[in-house]
């Protein structure tokens, strides 16, 4: 998309339609970083916001939660039509970790953080290897060509099966979890958004999710099994049970974010390998690069594109006066192409080291599941590279219509994998 002649203040970096038709707006971000890295935008249908596009500035904002709060508007979302109910951005339907501030944020994070430490995640690796191997065994068949949509048939399944096992959600429910997740992150995508104009209609999937999750936690209160659901069902804060609304919000976040962003990294990673086949050949030749490759895939794809903060006081950032109450949007995908950080930001290089990307955020809200996501990616790509005999696109890919969490939603491929030995 040619943005060379668009005034900086009119650049579109937020509309879901743009992301669906063109992918991430890297050309617009490149101009903003060069000409106005902290700039106020007022796109039609949205409340005005400051676009923060530089790596250093995002770190500065993220490390000052007292000055830039997460509570309230934590993502940018179009205004609801008049009479449809409170705006989703102004009045989020859930109280999750991502829209909490210290010290409350730390208290709620501690309820489940023990499950996502490097040591805890390492204990799950053997099971993840098995899940991934079973997936590829089924995909490989007799070793012949398979034509498929890589996103729902492959990329979505490995992280989905891992997180549902951790939660104790049975395998027969995995497609339901995937449906709810797509409806949550695809609120503006014509393939996933629920019909209706009102807030209640558009968020009906939350009512459906709450019914199942609350029933599952009720069962775990009677018969705990040691899974994450059991831990949350018996969780307390200051000696009291966790309030039901916050408990459901935390559970829902783990259930959907625990696999969707990794799915987008895997599918975006495959698209990158199709576009840069020499990098896939390099990984096949040297599997020891898989750890570096995982981080380069996260940098390159940046599944979580932005979060929003609200200024709690008048402040200056890169010479711009940000007023109390202003929204500040942190565009991580732009930071991950910052020329001041990377000499070759537009090169996809799986051996990139160091790689100080912000794909998992920074500061108080550094991704709870970062260690799990990295392990998902390492295991997936190590096995896929070892078993892939041939790979080629089988049609045009399509992107999700979303500016919060993004990536391919369709990626038709033809693939040959070595069959089960």
Protein backbone atom coordinates (compact mmCIF):
# COMPACT_ATOMS: atom_id res chain seq x y z
CA UNK A 1 0.00 0.00 0.00
CA UNK A 2 1.55 3.32 -1.13
CA UNK A 3 1.67 5.80 1.76
CA UNK A 4 4.34 8.14 0.39
CA UNK A 5 1.93 10.98 -0.35
CA UNK A 6 -0.41 10.58 2.62
CA UNK A 7 0.05 13.30 5.29
CA UNK A 8 1.60 11.79 8.41
CA UNK A 9 -1.40 12.75 10.54
CA UNK A 10 -3.72 10.84 8.21
CA UNK A 11 -1.83 7.55 8.02
CA UNK A 12 -3.98 4.52 8.78
CA UNK A 13 -2.34 2.16 11.25
CA UNK A 14 -5.44 0.84 13.01
CA UNK A 15 -8.41 -0.09 10.79
CA UNK A 16 -9.18 -3.81 10.71
CA UNK A 17 -9.97 -3.63 6.99
CA UNK A 18 -6.44 -2.39 6.29
CA UNK A 19 -4.91 -5.29 8.20
CA UNK A 20 -7.15 -7.81 6.48
CA UNK A 21 -6.41 -6.55 2.98
CA UNK A 22 -2.72 -5.66 3.29
CA UNK A 23 -1.32 -7.12 6.50
CA UNK A 24 0.58 -5.01 9.00
CA UNK A 25 1.12 -1.38 7.85
CA UNK A 26 4.92 -1.46 7.89
CA UNK A 27 5.29 1.30 5.29
CA UNK A 28 3.18 3.66 7.40
CA UNK A 29 5.11 2.80 10.56
CA UNK A 30 8.41 3.37 8.74
CA UNK A 31 7.29 6.90 7.87
CA UNK A 32 6.09 7.57 11.40
CA UNK A 33 9.37 6.37 12.93
CA UNK A 34 11.30 8.62 10.56
CA UNK A 35 9.11 11.72 10.61
CA UNK A 36 6.92 11.67 13.71
CA UNK A 37 7.55 8.70 16.02
CA UNK A 38 5.14 10.03 18.65
CA UNK A 39 2.18 11.41 16.77
CA UNK A 40 -1.49 12.01 17.52
CA UNK A 41 -3.94 10.33 15.16
CA UNK A 42 -7.72 10.68 14.96
CA UNK A 43 -8.92 8.09 12.44
CA UNK A 44 -12.64 8.02 11.59
CA UNK A 45 -14.64 5.89 14.00
CA UNK A 46 -11.97 5.86 16.72
CA UNK A 47 -11.17 8.02 19.70
CA UNK A 48 -7.93 9.99 19.12
CA UNK A 49 -4.72 8.32 20.28
CA UNK A 50 -0.97 8.82 20.29
CA UNK A 51 0.84 6.31 18.08
CA UNK A 52 4.13 5.22 19.69
CA UNK A 53 6.28 3.54 17.06
CA UNK A 54 9.87 3.47 18.39
CA UNK A 55 11.41 0.64 20.40
CA UNK A 56 12.91 2.92 23.08
CA UNK A 57 9.69 4.90 23.56
CA UNK A 58 7.59 1.77 24.04
CA UNK A 59 10.02 0.58 26.71
CA UNK A 60 9.88 3.98 28.42
CA UNK A 61 6.08 3.99 28.53
CA UNK A 62 5.83 0.33 29.58
CA UNK A 63 8.15 0.78 32.54
CA UNK A 64 6.06 3.62 34.01
CA UNK A 65 2.70 2.02 34.94
CA UNK A 66 2.12 4.84 37.43
CA UNK A 67 2.18 7.33 34.55
CA UNK A 68 0.56 5.21 31.84
CA UNK A 69 -2.12 2.92 33.23
CA UNK A 70 -3.52 -0.24 31.64
CA UNK A 71 -6.92 -0.16 33.35
CA UNK A 72 -9.73 1.05 31.11
CA UNK A 73 -8.97 1.28 27.41
CA UNK A 74 -6.24 -1.33 26.88
CA UNK A 75 -6.73 -1.76 23.12
CA UNK A 76 -7.97 0.49 20.33
CA UNK A 77 -11.39 -0.45 19.03
CA UNK A 78 -13.97 1.39 16.89
CA UNK A 79 -16.76 3.27 18.63
CA UNK A 80 -20.05 1.42 18.97
CA UNK A 81 -22.96 2.86 17.03
CA UNK A 82 -25.28 5.11 19.02
CA UNK A 83 -27.58 3.11 21.27
CA UNK A 84 -25.58 -0.11 20.84
CA UNK A 85 -24.09 0.03 24.33
CA UNK A 86 -20.83 1.23 25.91
CA UNK A 87 -17.78 1.23 23.64
CA UNK A 88 -15.73 -1.95 23.94
CA UNK A 89 -12.53 0.07 24.26
CA UNK A 90 -13.88 2.42 26.93
CA UNK A 91 -15.68 -0.26 28.96
CA UNK A 92 -13.94 -3.63 28.42
CA UNK A 93 -16.22 -6.62 29.04
CA UNK A 94 -13.63 -8.41 31.20
CA UNK A 95 -11.11 -7.50 33.92
CA UNK A 96 -8.03 -9.37 32.79
CA UNK A 97 -4.33 -9.11 33.61
CA UNK A 98 -3.86 -6.98 30.50
CA UNK A 99 -6.11 -4.23 31.86
CA UNK A 100 -4.95 -4.26 35.47
CA UNK A 101 -2.29 -2.12 37.13
CA UNK A 102 0.05 -2.68 40.09
CA UNK A 103 -0.32 -3.88 42.76
CA UNK A 104 -3.54 -5.63 41.70
CA UNK A 105 -1.94 -6.91 38.51
CA UNK A 106 0.88 -8.62 40.41
CA UNK A 107 -1.55 -10.22 42.87
CA UNK A 108 -3.64 -11.79 40.12
CA UNK A 109 -0.63 -12.81 38.05
CA UNK A 110 0.81 -14.71 41.02
CA UNK A 111 -2.28 -16.94 41.08
CA UNK A 112 -1.03 -18.83 38.01
CA UNK A 113 2.54 -17.67 37.39
CA UNK A 114 4.04 -20.87 38.87
CA UNK A 115 2.62 -22.79 35.90
CA UNK A 116 4.49 -20.63 33.38
CA UNK A 117 8.02 -20.41 34.82
CA UNK A 118 10.89 -21.87 32.77
CA UNK A 119 11.15 -24.80 35.18
CA UNK A 120 7.43 -25.58 35.07
CA UNK A 121 7.27 -25.27 31.29
CA UNK A 122 10.30 -27.54 30.88
CA UNK A 123 8.40 -30.32 32.66
CA UNK A 124 5.78 -30.15 29.91
CA UNK A 125 8.24 -30.49 27.04
CA UNK A 126 8.08 -34.28 26.69
CA UNK A 127 4.29 -34.14 26.45
CA UNK A 128 4.48 -31.29 23.93
CA UNK A 129 6.90 -33.33 21.81
CA UNK A 130 4.35 -36.15 21.84
CA UNK A 131 1.43 -33.87 20.91
CA UNK A 132 3.44 -32.41 18.04
CA UNK A 133 4.66 -35.79 16.81
CA UNK A 134 1.11 -37.17 16.79
CA UNK A 135 -0.08 -34.14 14.81
CA UNK A 136 2.62 -34.62 12.17
CA UNK A 137 2.07 -38.40 12.06
CA UNK A 138 -1.56 -37.79 11.15
CA UNK A 139 -0.65 -35.07 8.66
CA UNK A 140 2.06 -37.16 6.98
CA UNK A 141 -0.14 -40.14 6.17
CA UNK A 142 1.78 -42.36 3.75
CA UNK A 143 4.27 -39.61 2.91
CA UNK A 144 2.51 -38.29 -0.18
CA UNK A 145 1.43 -34.76 -1.02
CA UNK A 146 -1.22 -33.20 1.22
CA UNK A 147 -3.10 -30.04 0.31
CA UNK A 148 -4.57 -28.16 3.26
CA UNK A 149 -5.17 -24.85 5.00
CA UNK A 150 -2.19 -24.65 7.33
CA UNK A 151 -3.81 -22.26 9.83
CA UNK A 152 -6.78 -24.28 11.19
CA UNK A 153 -5.47 -27.73 10.26
CA UNK A 154 -1.92 -27.46 11.63
CA UNK A 155 -0.80 -24.18 13.22
CA UNK A 156 -3.83 -23.86 15.48
CA UNK A 157 -3.75 -27.40 16.82
CA UNK A 158 -0.37 -27.81 18.55
CA UNK A 159 -0.61 -24.84 20.96
CA UNK A 160 -4.35 -25.41 21.37
CA UNK A 161 -3.85 -29.00 22.51
CA UNK A 162 -1.11 -27.98 24.91
CA UNK A 163 -3.09 -25.24 26.66
CA UNK A 164 -6.32 -27.25 26.84
CA UNK A 165 -4.43 -30.13 28.46
CA UNK A 166 -2.93 -27.72 30.99
CA UNK A 167 -6.42 -26.43 31.75
CA UNK A 168 -7.95 -29.90 31.83
CA UNK A 169 -10.36 -29.18 28.97
CA UNK A 170 -11.15 -32.46 27.16
CA UNK A 171 -10.00 -33.04 23.57
CA UNK A 172 -13.58 -33.15 22.27
CA UNK A 173 -13.91 -29.49 23.33
CA UNK A 174 -10.86 -28.19 21.43
CA UNK A 175 -12.80 -27.04 18.35
CA UNK A 176 -15.22 -25.20 20.62
CA UNK A 177 -12.28 -23.42 22.29
CA UNK A 178 -10.95 -22.52 18.84
CA UNK A 179 -14.35 -21.14 17.80
CA UNK A 180 -14.63 -18.97 20.94
CA UNK A 181 -11.07 -17.75 20.44
CA UNK A 182 -11.69 -16.78 16.82
CA UNK A 183 -14.84 -14.91 17.81
CA UNK A 184 -12.93 -13.06 20.54
CA UNK A 185 -9.97 -11.94 18.43
CA UNK A 186 -12.00 -11.66 15.21
CA UNK A 187 -14.57 -9.14 16.44
CA UNK A 188 -14.09 -7.13 13.23
CA UNK A 189 -13.46 -10.03 10.87
CA UNK A 190 -16.41 -10.93 8.62
CA UNK A 191 -15.59 -14.64 8.93
CA UNK A 192 -15.60 -14.72 12.73
CA UNK A 193 -17.59 -11.78 14.13
CA UNK A 194 -21.01 -12.56 15.56
CA UNK A 195 -23.95 -10.91 13.83
CA UNK A 196 -25.61 -7.95 15.51
CA UNK A 197 -25.14 -4.28 16.21
CA UNK A 198 -25.41 -4.21 19.99
CA UNK A 199 -22.61 -4.86 22.43
CA UNK A 200 -24.56 -7.78 23.90
CA UNK A 201 -24.99 -9.45 20.51
CA UNK A 202 -21.34 -9.02 19.52
CA UNK A 203 -20.11 -10.45 22.82
CA UNK A 204 -22.53 -13.37 23.06
CA UNK A 205 -19.59 -15.78 22.91
CA UNK A 206 -18.57 -14.63 26.40
CA UNK A 207 -21.90 -15.82 27.83
CA UNK A 208 -21.39 -19.18 26.16
CA UNK A 209 -17.81 -19.40 27.45
CA UNK A 210 -18.81 -18.40 30.99
CA UNK A 211 -21.42 -21.17 31.19
CA UNK A 212 -18.87 -23.84 30.33
CA UNK A 213 -15.96 -22.43 32.34
CA UNK A 214 -18.01 -21.85 35.48
CA UNK A 215 -19.37 -25.40 35.28
CA UNK A 216 -15.86 -26.81 34.82
CA UNK A 217 -14.51 -24.86 37.79
CA UNK A 218 -17.48 -25.97 39.88
CA UNK A 219 -16.58 -29.57 39.08
CA UNK A 220 -12.93 -28.97 40.02
CA UNK A 221 -13.96 -27.49 43.37
CA UNK A 222 -15.60 -30.82 44.16
CA UNK A 223 -13.00 -33.03 42.47
CA UNK A 224 -9.63 -31.27 41.95
CA UNK A 225 -7.26 -32.91 39.47
CA UNK A 226 -4.15 -30.74 39.81
CA UNK A 227 -4.62 -28.89 36.51
CA UNK A 228 -4.71 -25.10 36.07
CA UNK A 229 -8.51 -25.13 36.36
CA UNK A 230 -8.23 -26.80 39.77
CA UNK A 231 -5.68 -24.22 40.90
CA UNK A 232 -7.93 -21.33 39.87
CA UNK A 233 -11.06 -22.97 41.29
CA UNK A 234 -9.43 -22.96 44.74
CA UNK A 235 -7.50 -19.68 44.40
CA UNK A 236 -7.71 -17.01 47.09
CA UNK A 237 -6.60 -13.41 47.49
CA UNK A 238 -5.91 -12.19 51.03
CA UNK A 239 -7.57 -15.33 52.34
CA UNK A 240 -10.80 -14.80 50.40
CA UNK A 241 -12.05 -16.54 47.24
CA UNK A 242 -11.21 -14.66 44.06
CA UNK A 243 -14.26 -12.64 42.88
CA UNK A 244 -16.18 -14.57 40.23
CA UNK A 245 -15.91 -11.92 37.51
CA UNK A 246 -12.15 -11.54 37.86
CA UNK A 247 -11.72 -15.31 38.11
CA UNK A 248 -13.59 -15.91 34.86
CA UNK A 249 -11.66 -13.07 33.19
CA UNK A 250 -8.31 -14.58 34.18
CA UNK A 251 -9.34 -18.04 33.05
CA UNK A 252 -10.68 -16.76 29.74
CA UNK A 253 -7.43 -14.89 29.06
CA UNK A 254 -5.36 -18.03 29.62
CA UNK A 255 -7.73 -20.14 27.52
CA UNK A 256 -7.68 -17.91 24.43
CA UNK A 257 -4.33 -16.10 24.60
CA UNK A 258 -2.60 -19.31 25.65
CA UNK A 259 -2.75 -20.61 22.10
CA UNK A 260 -3.98 -17.94 19.65
CA UNK A 261 -0.86 -15.78 19.58
CA UNK A 262 1.33 -18.87 19.18
CA UNK A 263 -0.93 -20.05 16.35
CA UNK A 264 -0.34 -16.71 14.63
CA UNK A 265 3.41 -16.97 15.14
CA UNK A 266 3.46 -20.49 13.66
CA UNK A 267 1.31 -19.58 10.65
CA UNK A 268 3.17 -16.30 10.13
CA UNK A 269 6.42 -18.21 10.49
CA UNK A 270 5.45 -20.64 7.75
CA UNK A 271 4.49 -17.74 5.49
CA UNK A 272 7.93 -16.23 6.16
CA UNK A 273 9.62 -19.53 5.29
CA UNK A 274 7.60 -19.78 2.06
CA UNK A 275 8.74 -16.27 1.15
CA UNK A 276 12.33 -16.92 2.30
CA UNK A 277 12.96 -20.60 1.48
CA UNK A 278 16.70 -20.25 2.03
CA UNK A 279 15.97 -19.64 5.72
CA UNK A 280 13.95 -22.85 6.00
CA UNK A 281 16.75 -24.74 4.26
CA UNK A 282 19.17 -23.26 6.79
CA UNK A 283 17.01 -24.52 9.68
CA UNK A 284 16.76 -27.97 8.12
CA UNK A 285 20.53 -28.10 7.73
CA UNK A 286 21.23 -26.84 11.27
CA UNK A 287 18.43 -27.66 13.76
CA UNK A 288 20.46 -26.06 16.56
CA UNK A 289 19.27 -22.70 15.20
CA UNK A 290 15.69 -23.42 16.28
CA UNK A 291 15.86 -21.28 19.45
CA UNK A 292 17.09 -18.24 17.55
CA UNK A 293 14.59 -19.00 14.77
CA UNK A 294 11.72 -18.99 17.27
CA UNK A 295 12.61 -15.49 18.44
CA UNK A 296 13.09 -14.21 14.90
CA UNK A 297 9.65 -15.56 14.00
CA UNK A 298 8.14 -13.70 16.97
CA UNK A 299 9.94 -10.50 15.95
CA UNK A 300 8.92 -10.88 12.32
CA UNK A 301 5.27 -11.72 12.98
CA UNK A 302 4.61 -9.86 16.27
CA UNK A 303 1.19 -11.49 16.82
CA UNK A 304 0.24 -8.99 19.55
CA UNK A 305 0.41 -5.83 17.48
CA UNK A 306 -0.59 -3.21 20.03
CA UNK A 307 -1.77 -2.41 23.52
CA UNK A 308 -3.10 0.92 24.69
CA UNK A 309 -2.32 2.88 27.85
CA UNK A 310 -3.93 5.98 29.37
CA UNK A 311 -1.83 8.87 30.63
CA UNK A 312 -2.48 9.54 34.33
CA UNK A 313 -0.84 12.98 34.21
CA UNK A 314 0.43 15.51 31.70
CA UNK A 315 3.77 14.29 30.40
CA UNK A 316 6.35 14.74 27.65
CA UNK A 317 7.48 11.98 25.32
CA UNK A 318 10.00 12.72 22.59
CA UNK A 319 9.07 16.39 22.87
CA UNK A 320 5.33 15.80 22.44
CA UNK A 321 2.94 16.98 25.17
CA UNK A 322 0.65 14.11 26.13
CA UNK A 323 -2.26 15.28 28.26
CA UNK A 324 -3.75 13.46 31.23
CA UNK A 325 -6.43 11.09 29.95
CA UNK A 326 -4.95 10.72 26.46
CA UNK A 327 -4.69 7.24 24.96
CA UNK A 328 -1.23 6.02 24.02
CA UNK A 329 -0.97 3.08 21.60
CA UNK A 330 2.17 0.96 21.75
CA UNK A 331 2.81 -0.58 18.33
CA UNK A 332 5.13 -3.50 19.06
CA UNK A 333 5.26 -4.59 15.43
CA UNK A 334 6.68 -1.18 14.52
CA UNK A 335 9.24 -1.37 17.33
CA UNK A 336 10.35 -4.73 15.96
CA UNK A 337 11.33 -3.05 12.68
CA UNK A 338 13.06 -0.08 14.35
CA UNK A 339 16.14 0.95 12.36
CA UNK A 340 17.79 2.25 15.55
CA UNK A 341 17.71 -1.28 16.99
CA UNK A 342 18.21 -3.45 13.91
CA UNK A 343 20.66 -2.73 11.08
CA UNK A 344 18.53 -4.86 8.75
CA UNK A 345 15.01 -4.84 10.23
CA UNK A 346 13.34 -5.94 6.99
CA UNK A 347 15.48 -9.05 6.63
CA UNK A 348 14.13 -12.34 7.98
CA UNK A 349 17.21 -14.09 9.43
CA UNK A 350 16.74 -17.11 11.67
CA UNK A 351 20.25 -16.83 13.12
CA UNK A 352 19.69 -13.22 14.30
CA UNK A 353 21.51 -12.70 17.60
CA UNK A 354 21.07 -10.57 19.64
CA UNK A 355 17.37 -10.03 19.02
CA UNK A 356 15.87 -7.61 21.57
CA UNK A 357 12.37 -7.78 20.12
CA UNK A 358 9.25 -6.66 21.98
CA UNK A 359 7.07 -9.47 20.70
CA UNK A 360 6.26 -10.49 24.28
CA UNK A 361 5.96 -6.93 25.57
CA UNK A 362 8.10 -5.42 28.30
CA UNK A 363 7.75 -4.34 31.91
CA UNK A 364 4.86 -5.26 34.21
CA UNK A 365 2.89 -6.81 31.38
CA UNK A 366 5.62 -8.99 29.87
CA UNK A 367 3.76 -12.01 28.46
CA UNK A 368 2.87 -14.52 31.17
CA UNK A 369 3.13 -17.38 28.66
CA UNK A 370 6.36 -16.32 26.92
CA UNK A 371 8.32 -19.40 28.03
CA UNK A 372 5.50 -21.72 26.93
CA UNK A 373 5.18 -19.94 23.58
CA UNK A 374 8.91 -20.20 22.92
CA UNK A 375 8.81 -23.91 23.73
CA UNK A 376 5.78 -24.43 21.47
CA UNK A 377 7.67 -22.77 18.62
CA UNK A 378 10.95 -24.61 19.21
CA UNK A 379 9.27 -28.02 19.32
CA UNK A 380 7.03 -27.29 16.34
CA UNK A 381 9.77 -26.04 14.04
CA UNK A 382 12.35 -28.63 15.10
CA UNK A 383 9.96 -31.46 14.23
CA UNK A 384 8.51 -29.81 11.12
CA UNK A 385 11.95 -29.05 9.67
CA UNK A 386 13.09 -32.62 10.32
CA UNK A 387 10.06 -34.19 8.62
CA UNK A 388 9.29 -31.77 5.79
CA UNK A 389 10.31 -33.21 2.41
CA UNK A 390 8.59 -30.63 0.20
CA UNK A 391 6.56 -27.49 0.76
CA UNK A 392 4.85 -25.01 -1.54
CA UNK A 393 1.94 -22.53 -1.51
CA UNK A 394 -1.37 -23.81 -2.87
CA UNK A 395 -3.20 -20.51 -3.24
CA UNK A 396 -3.31 -16.95 -1.93
CA UNK A 397 -3.12 -16.38 1.81
CA UNK A 398 -5.48 -14.11 3.74
CA UNK A 399 -4.93 -12.06 6.90
CA UNK A 400 -7.22 -11.65 9.89
CA UNK A 401 -9.20 -8.40 9.89
CA UNK A 402 -7.84 -7.23 13.24
CA UNK A 403 -5.34 -4.66 14.49
CA UNK A 404 -4.93 -6.02 18.03
CA UNK A 405 -3.80 -9.62 17.51
CA UNK A 406 -3.02 -10.39 13.89
CA UNK A 407 -1.68 -12.92 11.44
CA UNK A 408 -2.76 -15.19 8.60
CA UNK A 409 -6.25 -16.68 8.86
CA UNK A 410 -5.89 -18.77 5.68
CA UNK A 411 -2.67 -20.23 4.32
CA UNK A 412 -3.25 -22.92 1.67
CA UNK A 413 -0.21 -25.16 1.20
CA UNK A 414 0.89 -28.43 -0.36
CA UNK A 415 3.27 -30.40 1.83
CA UNK A 416 5.02 -33.75 2.03
CA UNK A 417 6.12 -35.00 5.44
CA UNK A 418 8.11 -38.10 6.25
CA UNK A 419 5.65 -40.71 7.51
CA UNK A 420 5.63 -42.18 10.98
CA UNK A 421 8.70 -44.34 11.46
